[in-house]
Structures are given as structure tokens and as C-alpha cells.
Amino acid sequence: MEKKVLVAEDSSVIQNLTKRILSFQNYHIDSVKNGKEVLDYLATTTPDIILLDINMPIMNGIDCAKAVRELPDAEKAKVPIIAISGNAQNYTLDYLQSVGFNEFLPKPLNFDLLVELVNQYTA
């Protein structure tokens, strides 16, 4: 069965590149532009993993990751979340894990590492 990846990223360039790379790996990709849309998506669908940009309009990735971890649906609350960021704020992996992320991928994205992490968390 095809694994579902939710890409939450306000840059359509990064969104499209990520979709292209992961679709070659036989993943089903859905995408949204901000954290609120992630929560709307989760109201009806459970992805196998979320790739979540930290800097997005309306609801950023930090607030979104916290909200996902607090969802009443235990399955959805446990979905692996990988932070994607240029990391201008210099977040540490420890901090990101403390708010609910499993891993951190810096921009510019290393697509080999992206595929490796998605494979690892959806195995």
C-alpha cells in the first residue's frame, strides 16, 4: 500500500521538488501551505509522515507540531513529523524534539537524506 506523506511548506518550489522526489519512491504526496491547513487535513486523513516547514504564515511549524501532538486521536498525534527549515532562529534538535518533531532537515534540502528519513519513519 502506498504511504501518505503530507508536505506542509509555503514555498511552492520546495513543495514541488519534494513531491517530485518522493513520488519516484512511490509515496502518495499531499501538500498544504501552513499549519492550520495541516490541522484541517488531519481532521479527515492520517498521513504516515508530515514534512513540516517551521516558517509558514497563519500557523508556523512549531505551533502546528505542538497542536498535532495534542490531538485527541492517538494515531494522528503520533505521526512522525520532520522539521524543514533554513533555521534562521538556530533551533536545536533537542528543542525541536521537545515541541514534537522527530527529526530536523535543514534547507537547502538534501534530497537523499529526505528520502532516507521518510523511508526510515514510514517503514
Foldseek 3Di string as FASTA:
>chain_A
DAAEEEEADQDVVVVVVLCVLVVVVRHHYDYHHALVVVVVCVVPDAGQEYEAEQDGPPHGRLRSQLVQCPDPPNSSNLRAYEYEYCPPVVDDQVNSVVSHHPYYAYPVGDSVVVVVVVVVSND
